[in-house]
Protein backbone atom coordinates (compact mmCIF):
# COMPACT_ATOMS: atom_id res chain seq x y z
CA MET A 1 -50.75 6.11 52.41
CA GLU A 2 -49.86 2.57 51.36
CA PRO A 3 -51.17 1.50 47.93
CA GLY A 4 -54.01 -1.01 47.98
CA PRO A 5 -53.80 -4.58 46.59
CA ASP A 6 -55.40 -3.52 43.32
CA GLN A 7 -52.89 -0.69 42.85
CA THR A 8 -49.95 -2.96 43.69
CA LEU A 9 -51.17 -5.58 41.20
CA GLU A 10 -51.68 -2.91 38.56
CA ARG A 11 -48.16 -1.58 39.19
CA LEU A 12 -46.63 -5.06 38.89
CA LEU A 13 -48.51 -5.72 35.64
CA TYR A 14 -47.17 -2.42 34.26
CA ILE A 15 -43.62 -3.33 35.25
CA LEU A 16 -43.93 -6.82 33.73
CA SER A 17 -45.33 -5.33 30.52
CA ALA A 18 -42.43 -2.86 30.42
CA LEU A 19 -40.02 -5.74 31.05
CA GLY A 20 -41.44 -7.57 28.02
CA GLU A 21 -41.00 -4.48 25.86
CA MET A 22 -37.41 -4.12 27.09
CA ALA A 23 -36.67 -7.74 26.22
CA GLU A 24 -38.09 -7.23 22.74
CA GLN A 25 -36.00 -4.07 22.27
CA MET A 26 -32.82 -5.83 23.36
CA THR A 27 -33.29 -8.90 21.16
CA THR A 28 -34.69 -7.37 17.98
CA ASN A 29 -33.11 -3.93 17.60
CA PRO A 30 -29.72 -4.14 15.82
CA ASN A 31 -28.81 -0.63 16.98
CA PRO A 32 -27.71 -0.85 20.63
CA THR A 33 -27.69 2.92 21.15
CA SER A 34 -31.35 3.37 20.26
CA SER A 35 -32.24 0.26 22.30
CA ILE A 36 -30.41 1.61 25.33
CA ARG A 37 -32.22 4.93 25.14
CA ALA A 38 -35.61 3.24 24.79
CA ILE A 39 -34.88 0.85 27.65
CA MET A 40 -33.76 3.67 29.92
CA ARG A 41 -37.05 5.48 29.28
CA MET A 42 -39.02 2.30 30.02
CA ALA A 43 -37.03 1.56 33.19
CA LYS A 44 -37.54 5.05 34.55
CA GLY A 45 -41.23 4.89 33.75
CA ALA A 46 -41.70 1.41 35.18
CA PHE A 47 -40.12 2.24 38.51
CA GLY A 48 -41.07 5.90 38.64
CA ILE A 49 -37.42 6.95 38.65
CA GLY A 50 -36.34 10.46 37.68
CA LYS A 51 -32.82 9.92 36.35
CA GLY A 52 -30.79 7.06 34.93
CA ALA A 53 -27.55 6.47 33.08
CA LEU A 54 -25.86 3.54 31.45
CA PHE A 55 -22.09 3.21 31.17
CA LEU A 56 -20.45 0.53 29.02
CA TYR A 57 -17.03 -0.85 29.89
CA ARG A 58 -14.11 -0.43 27.44
CA PRO A 59 -11.60 -3.11 28.47
CA GLU A 60 -8.83 -1.77 26.21
CA ASP A 61 -8.87 1.52 28.18
CA GLN A 62 -10.26 0.21 31.49
CA VAL A 63 -12.93 2.91 31.61
CA LEU A 64 -16.72 3.18 31.74
CA GLU A 65 -18.18 5.34 28.98
CA LEU A 66 -21.63 6.94 29.03
CA VAL A 67 -23.79 5.62 26.17
CA ALA A 68 -27.38 6.48 27.25
CA GLU A 69 -27.14 10.14 26.26
CA GLY A 70 -29.71 12.58 27.62
CA THR A 71 -30.41 10.64 30.79
CA VAL A 72 -28.33 12.83 33.10
CA GLU A 73 -28.92 16.49 33.76
CA GLU A 74 -26.91 19.49 32.59
CA ARG A 75 -23.58 17.83 31.72
CA GLN A 76 -22.18 14.75 30.08
CA PRO A 77 -19.47 13.17 32.26
CA GLY A 78 -16.27 11.87 30.75
CA PRO A 79 -15.12 8.25 31.01
CA LEU A 80 -14.93 6.78 34.50
CA ALA A 81 -11.66 5.05 35.40
CA VAL A 82 -12.14 1.50 36.66
CA PRO A 83 -9.28 0.24 38.86
CA THR A 84 -8.62 -3.50 38.66
CA GLU A 85 -10.10 -4.22 42.10
CA ALA A 86 -13.22 -2.22 41.26
CA ARG A 87 -13.68 -4.21 38.03
CA ARG A 88 -13.40 -7.45 39.99
CA TYR A 89 -15.93 -6.17 42.52
CA PHE A 90 -18.43 -5.16 39.82
CA LEU A 91 -17.92 -8.52 38.16
CA ALA A 92 -18.61 -10.36 41.43
CA GLU A 93 -21.74 -8.25 42.01
CA GLY A 94 -22.91 -8.57 38.38
CA GLY A 95 -26.72 -8.65 38.27
CA PHE A 96 -27.23 -7.63 41.90
CA PRO A 97 -28.12 -4.03 42.83
CA ILE A 98 -25.77 -1.91 44.89
CA ALA A 99 -27.78 0.53 47.01
CA GLU A 100 -26.46 3.85 48.29
CA TRP A 101 -27.61 2.99 51.78
CA ASP A 102 -25.29 -0.02 51.91
CA GLU A 103 -21.82 0.43 53.38
CA PRO A 104 -19.47 0.70 50.35
CA HIS A 105 -17.01 -2.10 49.71
CA ALA A 106 -13.31 -1.12 49.76
CA ALA A 107 -13.05 -1.65 45.98
CA LEU A 108 -16.15 0.48 45.43
CA GLN A 109 -14.73 3.17 47.66
CA GLU A 110 -11.57 3.19 45.52
CA PHE A 111 -13.76 3.63 42.41
CA LEU A 112 -15.69 6.49 44.05
CA THR A 113 -12.49 8.25 45.09
CA ALA A 114 -10.87 7.87 41.65
CA ASN A 115 -13.93 9.40 39.93
CA ALA A 116 -15.21 11.79 42.60
CA GLU A 117 -15.54 14.79 40.28
CA ALA A 118 -16.99 12.86 37.30
CA LEU A 119 -19.61 11.16 39.49
CA THR A 120 -20.99 14.43 40.79
CA GLY A 121 -24.60 14.78 39.67
CA LEU A 122 -24.92 11.19 38.42
CA PRO A 123 -27.77 9.00 39.71
CA HIS A 124 -26.60 7.02 42.72
CA ALA A 125 -29.59 5.47 44.49
CA ILE A 126 -29.17 2.08 42.80
CA TRP A 127 -26.23 0.83 40.76
CA LEU A 128 -26.60 -2.38 38.80
CA PRO A 129 -23.34 -3.97 37.48
CA LEU A 130 -23.87 -5.83 34.20
CA ALA A 131 -21.86 -9.02 33.66
CA VAL A 132 -22.13 -12.26 31.64
CA ASN A 133 -19.81 -15.29 31.63
CA ARG A 134 -17.16 -13.57 33.74
CA HIS A 135 -17.21 -10.54 31.42
CA PHE A 136 -17.89 -7.15 33.00
CA LEU A 137 -19.96 -5.18 30.47
CA GLY A 138 -21.13 -2.02 32.14
CA LEU A 139 -22.94 -0.23 34.94
CA LEU A 140 -26.58 0.86 35.09
CA MET A 141 -27.10 3.84 37.41
CA LEU A 142 -30.60 4.75 38.62
CA GLY A 143 -31.69 7.66 40.76
CA GLU A 144 -34.33 7.63 43.45
CA LYS A 145 -38.05 7.42 42.78
CA LEU A 146 -39.90 10.62 42.07
CA SER A 147 -42.13 9.65 45.02
CA LYS A 148 -39.00 9.50 47.24
CA GLU A 149 -40.09 6.00 48.32
CA PRO A 150 -37.47 3.22 48.34
CA LEU A 151 -37.68 0.36 45.82
CA THR A 152 -39.60 -2.59 47.15
CA GLN A 153 -38.06 -6.04 47.23
CA THR A 154 -40.31 -7.07 44.36
CA GLU A 155 -39.07 -4.10 42.31
CA LEU A 156 -35.47 -4.98 43.17
CA ASP A 157 -36.07 -8.58 42.02
CA ILE A 158 -37.52 -7.30 38.75
CA LEU A 159 -34.58 -4.93 38.40
CA ILE A 160 -32.25 -7.93 38.71
CA LEU A 161 -34.15 -9.62 35.87
CA ILE A 162 -33.83 -6.48 33.76
CA GLY A 163 -30.12 -6.29 34.46
CA ARG A 164 -29.52 -9.91 33.51
CA GLN A 165 -31.50 -9.58 30.31
CA PHE A 166 -29.76 -6.33 29.54
CA ALA A 167 -26.33 -7.90 30.10
CA VAL A 168 -27.11 -10.88 27.86
CA ALA A 169 -28.32 -8.60 25.08
CA LEU A 170 -25.18 -6.44 25.33
CA HIS A 171 -22.98 -9.54 25.34
CA ASN A 172 -24.73 -10.92 22.27
CA PHE A 173 -24.37 -7.59 20.52
CA SER A 174 -20.66 -7.56 21.42
CA LEU A 175 -20.26 -11.05 19.94
CA ASN A 176 -22.09 -9.91 16.81
CA VAL A 177 -19.79 -6.88 16.50
CA ASP A 178 -16.74 -9.12 16.95
CA LEU A 179 -18.07 -11.42 14.24
CA LYS A 180 -18.70 -8.51 11.87
CA THR A 181 -15.25 -7.14 12.62
CA ALA A 182 -13.69 -10.55 11.96
CA ASN A 183 -15.62 -10.82 8.69
CA MET A 184 -14.50 -7.32 7.67
CA GLN A 185 -10.89 -8.19 8.48
CA LEU A 186 -11.23 -11.45 6.56
CA GLY A 187 -12.71 -9.58 3.60
CA LEU A 188 -9.87 -7.06 3.76
CA LYS A 189 -7.28 -9.85 3.79
CA VAL A 190 -8.99 -11.51 0.81
CA ARG A 191 -8.90 -8.23 -1.11
CA GLN A 192 -5.26 -7.76 -0.17
CA LEU A 193 -4.45 -11.29 -1.35
CA GLU A 194 -6.26 -10.57 -4.60
CA GLN A 195 -4.20 -7.39 -4.98
CA LEU A 196 -0.98 -9.31 -4.31
CA TYR A 197 -1.98 -11.90 -6.90
CA ASP A 198 -2.64 -9.17 -9.47
CA ILE A 199 0.67 -7.51 -8.67
CA SER A 200 2.54 -10.81 -8.97
CA ARG A 201 0.92 -11.47 -12.33
CA ASP A 202 1.69 -7.98 -13.64
CA ILE A 203 5.34 -7.79 -12.60
CA SER A 204 5.96 -11.35 -13.83
CA SER A 205 4.62 -10.52 -17.28
CA THR A 206 7.73 -8.57 -18.26
CA LEU A 207 11.47 -9.11 -18.12
CA ASP A 208 12.30 -5.42 -18.26
CA ARG A 209 13.85 -4.43 -14.92
CA THR A 210 12.94 -0.76 -15.35
CA LYS A 211 9.26 -1.61 -15.87
CA ILE A 212 9.29 -4.04 -12.96
CA THR A 213 10.75 -1.59 -10.46
CA ARG A 214 8.39 1.18 -11.60
CA GLU A 215 5.36 -1.12 -11.32
CA VAL A 216 6.44 -2.38 -7.88
CA ILE A 217 6.62 1.15 -6.47
CA VAL A 218 3.23 2.19 -7.82
CA ARG A 219 1.54 -0.98 -6.58
CA ALA A 220 3.23 -0.82 -3.17
CA ILE A 221 1.84 2.69 -2.68
CA GLU A 222 -1.64 1.51 -3.67
CA LEU A 223 -1.47 -1.58 -1.45
CA LEU A 224 -0.37 0.30 1.67
CA ASP A 225 -2.32 3.55 1.04
CA ALA A 226 0.99 5.39 1.13
CA ARG A 227 1.77 8.81 -0.29
CA LYS A 228 5.13 7.95 -1.82
CA GLY A 229 7.71 5.22 -2.09
CA MET A 230 11.04 4.14 -3.52
CA LEU A 231 12.97 1.03 -4.45
CA LEU A 232 16.68 1.24 -3.67
CA THR A 233 19.24 -1.25 -4.94
CA LEU A 234 22.81 -1.95 -3.96
CA SER A 235 25.47 -0.46 -6.21
CA GLU A 236 27.84 -2.81 -8.03
CA GLY A 237 30.45 -2.27 -5.31
CA GLY A 238 27.86 -2.95 -2.63
CA ASN A 239 28.82 0.17 -0.68
CA ARG A 240 25.80 2.39 -1.32
CA LEU A 241 22.08 2.36 -2.07
CA ASP A 242 20.93 3.90 -5.35
CA PRO A 243 17.28 4.65 -6.25
CA ALA A 244 16.07 2.24 -8.94
CA ALA A 245 12.56 3.75 -8.98
CA SER A 246 10.58 6.28 -6.98
CA PHE A 247 7.10 7.80 -6.97
CA GLY A 248 5.46 10.71 -5.17
CA PHE A 249 8.55 12.80 -4.45
CA ALA A 250 8.80 16.40 -5.63
CA GLU A 251 12.27 15.55 -6.92
CA SER A 252 13.72 12.12 -7.57
CA PRO A 253 16.10 11.13 -4.75
CA SER A 254 19.65 11.71 -5.91
CA ALA A 255 22.17 8.89 -6.21
CA PRO A 256 24.19 7.83 -4.37
CA MET A 257 21.54 7.84 -1.67
CA TRP A 258 23.00 6.50 1.56
CA GLY A 259 25.79 4.22 2.64
CA ALA A 260 24.61 0.64 2.38
CA ARG A 261 25.57 -0.39 5.91
CA GLU A 262 25.13 2.89 7.76
CA GLY A 263 22.30 5.25 8.39
CA TRP A 264 18.68 4.64 9.12
CA LEU A 265 18.28 1.79 6.58
CA GLY A 266 21.43 -0.06 7.62
CA SER A 267 19.61 -2.70 9.69
CA VAL A 268 17.29 -3.56 6.79
CA LEU A 269 20.33 -4.61 4.72
CA THR A 270 22.65 -6.03 7.39
CA GLU A 271 19.99 -7.96 9.33
CA GLY A 272 17.48 -8.49 6.53
CA THR A 273 14.62 -7.38 8.80
CA PRO A 274 11.76 -4.92 8.17
CA LEU A 275 11.85 -1.45 9.70
CA LEU A 276 8.74 0.41 10.91
CA VAL A 277 9.60 3.93 11.99
CA GLU A 278 8.08 7.27 12.94
CA GLY A 279 10.59 10.08 12.78
CA GLY A 280 14.31 9.86 12.19
CA ILE A 281 13.80 9.88 8.40
CA PRO A 282 16.19 12.04 6.33
CA THR A 283 14.70 15.52 6.01
CA ASP A 284 15.09 15.62 2.22
CA LEU A 285 12.49 12.86 1.96
CA ASP A 286 9.89 15.07 3.72
CA ALA A 287 8.14 12.15 5.46
CA SER A 288 7.09 11.37 9.02
CA SER A 289 6.56 7.59 8.91
CA CYS A 290 7.96 4.73 6.88
CA ILE A 291 7.99 0.98 6.35
CA ALA A 292 11.21 -0.32 4.78
CA VAL A 293 11.69 -4.00 3.97
CA PRO A 294 14.56 -5.95 2.41
CA VAL A 295 14.41 -7.05 -1.22
CA ALA A 296 16.15 -10.42 -1.15
CA TYR A 297 16.49 -13.48 -3.36
CA GLN A 298 17.70 -16.75 -1.83
CA ASP A 299 19.06 -14.98 1.28
CA ARG A 300 20.93 -12.41 -0.84
CA VAL A 301 19.68 -8.93 0.08
CA PHE A 302 20.19 -6.60 -2.87
CA GLY A 303 17.79 -3.76 -2.18
CA VAL A 304 15.24 -2.00 0.03
CA LEU A 305 11.56 -1.31 -0.72
CA ALA A 306 10.19 1.63 1.28
CA VAL A 307 6.84 3.44 1.48
CA PHE A 308 6.18 6.69 3.32
CA ASP A 309 3.25 8.46 5.03
CA LYS A 310 0.06 6.40 5.18
CA GLU A 311 -3.03 8.14 3.83
CA ASP A 312 -5.84 8.67 6.33
CA ARG A 313 -9.19 10.47 6.31
CA ALA A 314 -7.64 13.05 8.61
CA GLY A 315 -4.48 13.35 6.51
CA VAL A 316 -1.26 11.48 7.23
CA ALA A 317 -1.26 8.57 9.69
CA ALA A 318 1.40 6.22 10.98
CA PHE A 319 1.74 2.75 9.52
CA ALA A 320 0.65 -0.16 11.72
CA GLN A 321 2.45 -3.40 12.45
CA GLU A 322 -0.09 -5.35 10.38
CA ASP A 323 0.98 -3.34 7.29
CA VAL A 324 4.49 -4.80 7.42
CA PRO A 325 3.69 -8.37 6.18
CA LEU A 326 1.95 -6.94 3.10
CA LEU A 327 5.06 -5.04 2.04
CA VAL A 328 7.30 -8.00 2.91
CA ASN A 329 5.20 -10.23 0.65
CA LEU A 330 5.30 -7.70 -2.18
CA ALA A 331 9.08 -7.28 -1.80
CA SER A 332 9.51 -11.06 -2.04
CA GLN A 333 7.56 -11.17 -5.29
CA ALA A 334 9.48 -8.16 -6.59
CA ALA A 335 12.81 -9.80 -5.77
CA THR A 336 11.93 -12.90 -7.81
CA ALA A 337 10.79 -10.81 -10.79
CA ILE A 338 13.89 -8.60 -10.65
CA GLU A 339 16.21 -11.59 -10.41
CA ASN A 340 14.51 -13.26 -13.39
CA ALA A 341 14.91 -10.03 -15.36
CA ARG A 342 18.58 -9.82 -14.37
CA LEU A 343 19.27 -13.37 -15.58
CA TYR A 344 17.39 -12.63 -18.81
CA GLU A 345 19.51 -9.53 -19.34
CA LEU A 346 22.71 -11.50 -18.82
CA ALA A 347 21.64 -13.84 -21.61
CA THR A 348 20.27 -11.27 -24.06
CA VAL A 349 21.72 -7.82 -23.36
CA ASP A 350 25.14 -6.41 -24.22
CA GLY A 351 26.94 -5.47 -21.03
CA LEU A 352 28.39 -2.21 -22.34
CA THR A 353 25.57 -0.62 -24.34
CA LYS A 354 22.60 -2.35 -22.62
CA LEU A 355 21.19 -3.06 -26.07
CA PHE A 356 20.24 -6.58 -27.16
CA ILE A 357 23.04 -8.82 -28.38
CA ARG A 358 23.19 -9.98 -32.01
CA ARG A 359 21.97 -13.53 -31.34
CA HIS A 360 18.82 -12.32 -29.58
CA PHE A 361 18.22 -9.75 -32.30
CA GLU A 362 18.37 -12.39 -35.02
CA GLN A 363 15.81 -14.51 -33.15
CA ARG A 364 13.47 -11.54 -32.84
CA LEU A 365 13.97 -10.66 -36.52
CA THR A 366 12.84 -14.14 -37.55
CA GLU A 367 9.80 -13.93 -35.25
CA GLU A 368 8.76 -10.49 -36.49
CA LEU A 369 9.00 -11.44 -40.17
CA ARG A 370 6.82 -14.49 -39.55
CA ARG A 371 4.26 -12.36 -37.73
CA ALA A 372 4.33 -9.74 -40.50
CA ALA A 373 3.74 -12.41 -43.14
CA ARG A 374 0.78 -13.78 -41.15
CA TYR A 375 -0.91 -10.41 -40.65
CA ASP A 376 0.25 -8.74 -43.89
CA THR A 377 2.20 -5.94 -42.24
CA LYS A 378 5.65 -4.50 -42.93
CA VAL A 379 8.89 -4.65 -40.95
CA SER A 380 11.69 -2.10 -41.27
CA LEU A 381 15.30 -2.12 -40.18
CA MET A 382 17.82 0.67 -39.59
CA LEU A 383 21.51 -0.16 -39.40
CA MET A 384 23.87 2.56 -38.20
CA ASP A 385 27.59 3.00 -37.81
CA ILE A 386 29.31 5.59 -35.59
CA ASP A 387 31.21 8.00 -37.84
CA HIS A 388 35.01 8.00 -37.38
CA PHE A 389 34.74 5.81 -34.30
CA LYS A 390 38.42 4.78 -34.59
CA LYS A 391 39.37 8.43 -34.07
CA PHE A 392 37.78 8.45 -30.62
CA ASN A 393 39.75 5.36 -29.59
CA ASP A 394 43.04 6.59 -31.09
CA SER A 395 42.79 10.19 -29.85
CA PHE A 396 41.19 9.78 -26.43
CA GLY A 397 41.58 6.09 -25.54
CA HIS A 398 39.33 3.07 -25.48
CA ALA A 399 37.57 4.26 -22.30
CA THR A 400 36.30 7.28 -24.21
CA GLY A 401 35.33 5.00 -27.10
CA ASP A 402 33.23 2.99 -24.67
CA GLU A 403 31.56 6.18 -23.43
CA VAL A 404 30.74 7.10 -27.03
CA LEU A 405 29.08 3.74 -27.55
CA LYS A 406 27.07 4.11 -24.35
CA LEU A 407 25.98 7.65 -25.28
CA VAL A 408 24.76 6.52 -28.71
CA ALA A 409 22.97 3.50 -27.20
CA ARG A 410 21.19 5.65 -24.58
CA THR A 411 20.12 8.12 -27.24
CA ILE A 412 18.76 5.36 -29.46
CA LYS A 413 16.71 3.87 -26.61
CA ALA A 414 15.33 7.30 -25.72
CA SER A 415 14.33 8.06 -29.34
CA ILE A 416 12.55 4.83 -30.40
CA ARG A 417 9.21 3.31 -29.39
CA GLU A 418 9.82 1.66 -26.03
CA ASP A 419 7.32 -1.19 -26.27
CA LEU A 420 7.66 -1.95 -29.97
CA ASP A 421 11.10 -1.32 -31.48
CA ILE A 422 14.05 -3.64 -30.79
CA PRO A 423 17.51 -2.01 -30.49
CA ALA A 424 20.66 -4.15 -30.67
CA ARG A 425 24.43 -4.02 -30.93
CA PHE A 426 25.32 -5.75 -34.18
CA GLY A 427 29.07 -5.76 -33.63
CA GLY A 428 31.82 -3.25 -32.82
CA GLU A 429 30.42 0.22 -33.45
CA GLU A 430 27.50 -1.02 -35.59
CA LEU A 431 24.07 -0.68 -33.98
CA LEU A 432 20.63 -1.42 -35.37
CA VAL A 433 16.95 -1.08 -34.64
CA LEU A 434 14.21 -3.48 -35.77
CA MET A 435 10.89 -1.67 -36.31
CA PRO A 436 7.85 -4.02 -36.49
CA GLU A 437 4.63 -2.79 -38.13
CA THR A 438 6.54 0.05 -39.81
CA ASP A 439 6.54 0.90 -43.53
CA ALA A 440 9.34 2.66 -45.43
CA ASP A 441 8.01 6.16 -44.77
CA GLY A 442 7.69 5.53 -41.06
CA ALA A 443 11.14 3.95 -40.94
CA TRP A 444 12.69 6.95 -42.66
CA ILE A 445 11.11 9.33 -40.13
CA MET A 446 12.35 7.17 -37.25
CA ALA A 447 15.88 6.95 -38.70
CA GLU A 448 16.11 10.73 -39.03
CA ARG A 449 14.80 11.21 -35.49
CA VAL A 450 17.49 8.91 -34.10
CA ARG A 451 20.27 10.42 -36.24
CA GLU A 452 19.38 13.99 -35.27
CA ALA A 453 19.13 13.08 -31.57
CA ILE A 454 22.63 11.55 -31.67
CA GLU A 455 23.98 14.58 -33.54
CA GLY A 456 22.57 16.84 -30.81
CA ALA A 457 24.01 14.84 -27.93
CA VAL A 458 27.39 15.83 -26.46
CA LEU A 459 30.02 13.98 -24.47
CA ALA A 460 32.72 15.35 -22.18
CA GLY A 461 36.17 14.15 -23.20
CA PRO A 462 38.86 12.98 -20.76
CA HIS A 463 40.28 16.51 -20.49
CA GLY A 464 36.98 18.37 -20.36
CA GLU A 465 36.68 18.92 -24.10
CA ILE A 466 33.24 18.63 -25.72
CA LEU A 467 32.95 15.69 -28.12
CA HIS A 468 30.30 15.51 -30.83
CA VAL A 469 29.15 12.19 -32.25
CA THR A 470 27.35 11.45 -35.50
CA VAL A 471 26.12 8.27 -37.18
CA SER A 472 25.47 7.10 -40.73
CA VAL A 473 22.21 5.20 -41.17
CA GLY A 474 20.91 2.69 -43.70
CA VAL A 475 17.22 1.78 -43.86
CA ALA A 476 15.39 -1.10 -45.55
CA THR A 477 11.83 -2.45 -45.39
CA TRP A 478 10.43 -5.98 -45.74
CA PRO A 479 8.98 -7.08 -48.13
CA VAL A 480 9.56 -3.94 -50.26
CA HIS A 481 13.36 -4.21 -50.37
CA ALA A 482 13.99 -7.80 -49.29
CA GLY A 483 12.33 -11.20 -49.10
CA ASP A 484 13.99 -12.73 -46.01
CA GLU A 485 16.14 -11.95 -42.96
CA ASP A 486 19.51 -12.09 -44.72
CA SER A 487 18.47 -9.95 -47.69
CA LEU A 488 16.87 -7.38 -45.35
CA LEU A 489 20.13 -7.05 -43.41
CA GLU A 490 22.06 -6.86 -46.68
CA ALA A 491 19.79 -4.12 -48.03
CA ALA A 492 20.19 -2.04 -44.86
CA ASP A 493 23.96 -2.56 -44.99
CA LYS A 494 24.14 -1.35 -48.62
CA ALA A 495 22.06 1.71 -47.71
CA LEU A 496 24.45 2.40 -44.83
CA TYR A 497 27.42 2.19 -47.21
CA ARG A 498 25.77 4.78 -49.46
CA SER A 499 25.34 7.14 -46.46
CA LYS A 500 29.08 6.90 -45.81
CA GLN A 501 29.89 7.47 -49.45
CA ALA A 502 27.70 10.57 -49.46
CA GLY A 503 29.62 12.18 -46.60
CA ARG A 504 28.33 10.45 -43.44
CA ASN A 505 25.89 11.82 -40.79
CA ARG A 506 22.90 11.06 -42.99
CA SER A 507 20.19 8.43 -43.52
CA THR A 508 19.69 6.48 -46.78
CA MET A 509 16.77 4.27 -47.82
CA TRP A 510 17.67 1.21 -49.94
CA GLU A 511 15.61 1.26 -53.15
CA ASP A 512 17.80 -0.20 -55.93
CA SER A 513 16.30 -3.68 -56.03
CA PRO A 514 12.73 -3.67 -54.74
CA VAL A 515 11.05 -7.05 -54.29
CA ALA A 516 7.66 -7.50 -55.89
């Protein structure tokens, strides 16, 4: 029995009202998933349709993915493959219904064949491709009416309106997502730039190469969300890479590491280009992925900065290509800081012992005494001389004498306060340590610590014999024992002489002529 005019009018008013609600859902609800579900319910109710499904197109994978969950019976189909010709067909038909009673287009037939199993059980009475501005967005699938009656032309026209409105809303949402994504990426880049600025400031605040390399590794790991990293530098002969600093390894990589021009890092040095790899990493590093970039200053590559195994919520992930520029930028800043530190060392550090040279020490002594006078603190000085040093040179040769000097210097640096005390080579076998903010008692404790550490150190002689080294130490404190730089050095020297007179391998505090 055909519906009367009143019933038809009532039905159209219901559909138009539902259409208005759909439009409101699509334009006001920021959550597309909830909007889609609500719209599907309205569409089915408006047209008296039993089943419906909405698939959105993923262009990166060329598939249609079900998003209106719960609208198909029993099972949730996987993504539907969309061949190129089928996508073009859907795009051309965008906004116009495709009815099952129509003879299928060749491109549609290809789509049906490619997804025959996945399409089983899906609604197929009316398919509505969704497209805007030559962009294919998805496919709305509707089953037949519960009354088994076909859709009228008026209902099809209204369905076209729904599809167009639906497509515009999806397109706008897509643009909004793209904008949010772009803003997130911009915010990430800003944060990364802020991190790089902080890193540059921190590594430029010191001229200590050891501190710089250590800081660079830690910050590189933080910047790239890596698990571990290392900074390798070319040996003096340029034939191997040695680890200057590392972090995150169970054991520090042993030196020499690898040949400079061979192996998996060879291209980083020879070509000066970054390396992004998964696999092929030496097994002793226990890593699956790596970014390695050259550390270069004015086209001179002198090292490699490498990070391993990117942290991910699921565990370890591979690094991405966009991670490479971050590490390249950091390596560039590190190279400048390391080169500045190297030039500073050439001007201030003794090449053999790696302690400060006398001229630099004298400058620092003047500065520290001025600071102590301003803030009413004390400054102490220990002057030491290697006992029987001439015997080492005469008995074992000057090479062994040099090794003795280096052993004593290393022991001194390991025993004093790294960020406060100032060790120097005063001349020949005489070494000294300036101790700011240190009174006589503290200086005496420090002098004994250094002397005992040197006494406990051993050195292998040229023929395998064990050599023992001792030092005599003189200690003086400003302003207790001296009033200026020269008198402080003189007081420490006199105390040193007394240590030698008393049998060597001992520390002596100068107290004969205290200054009021």
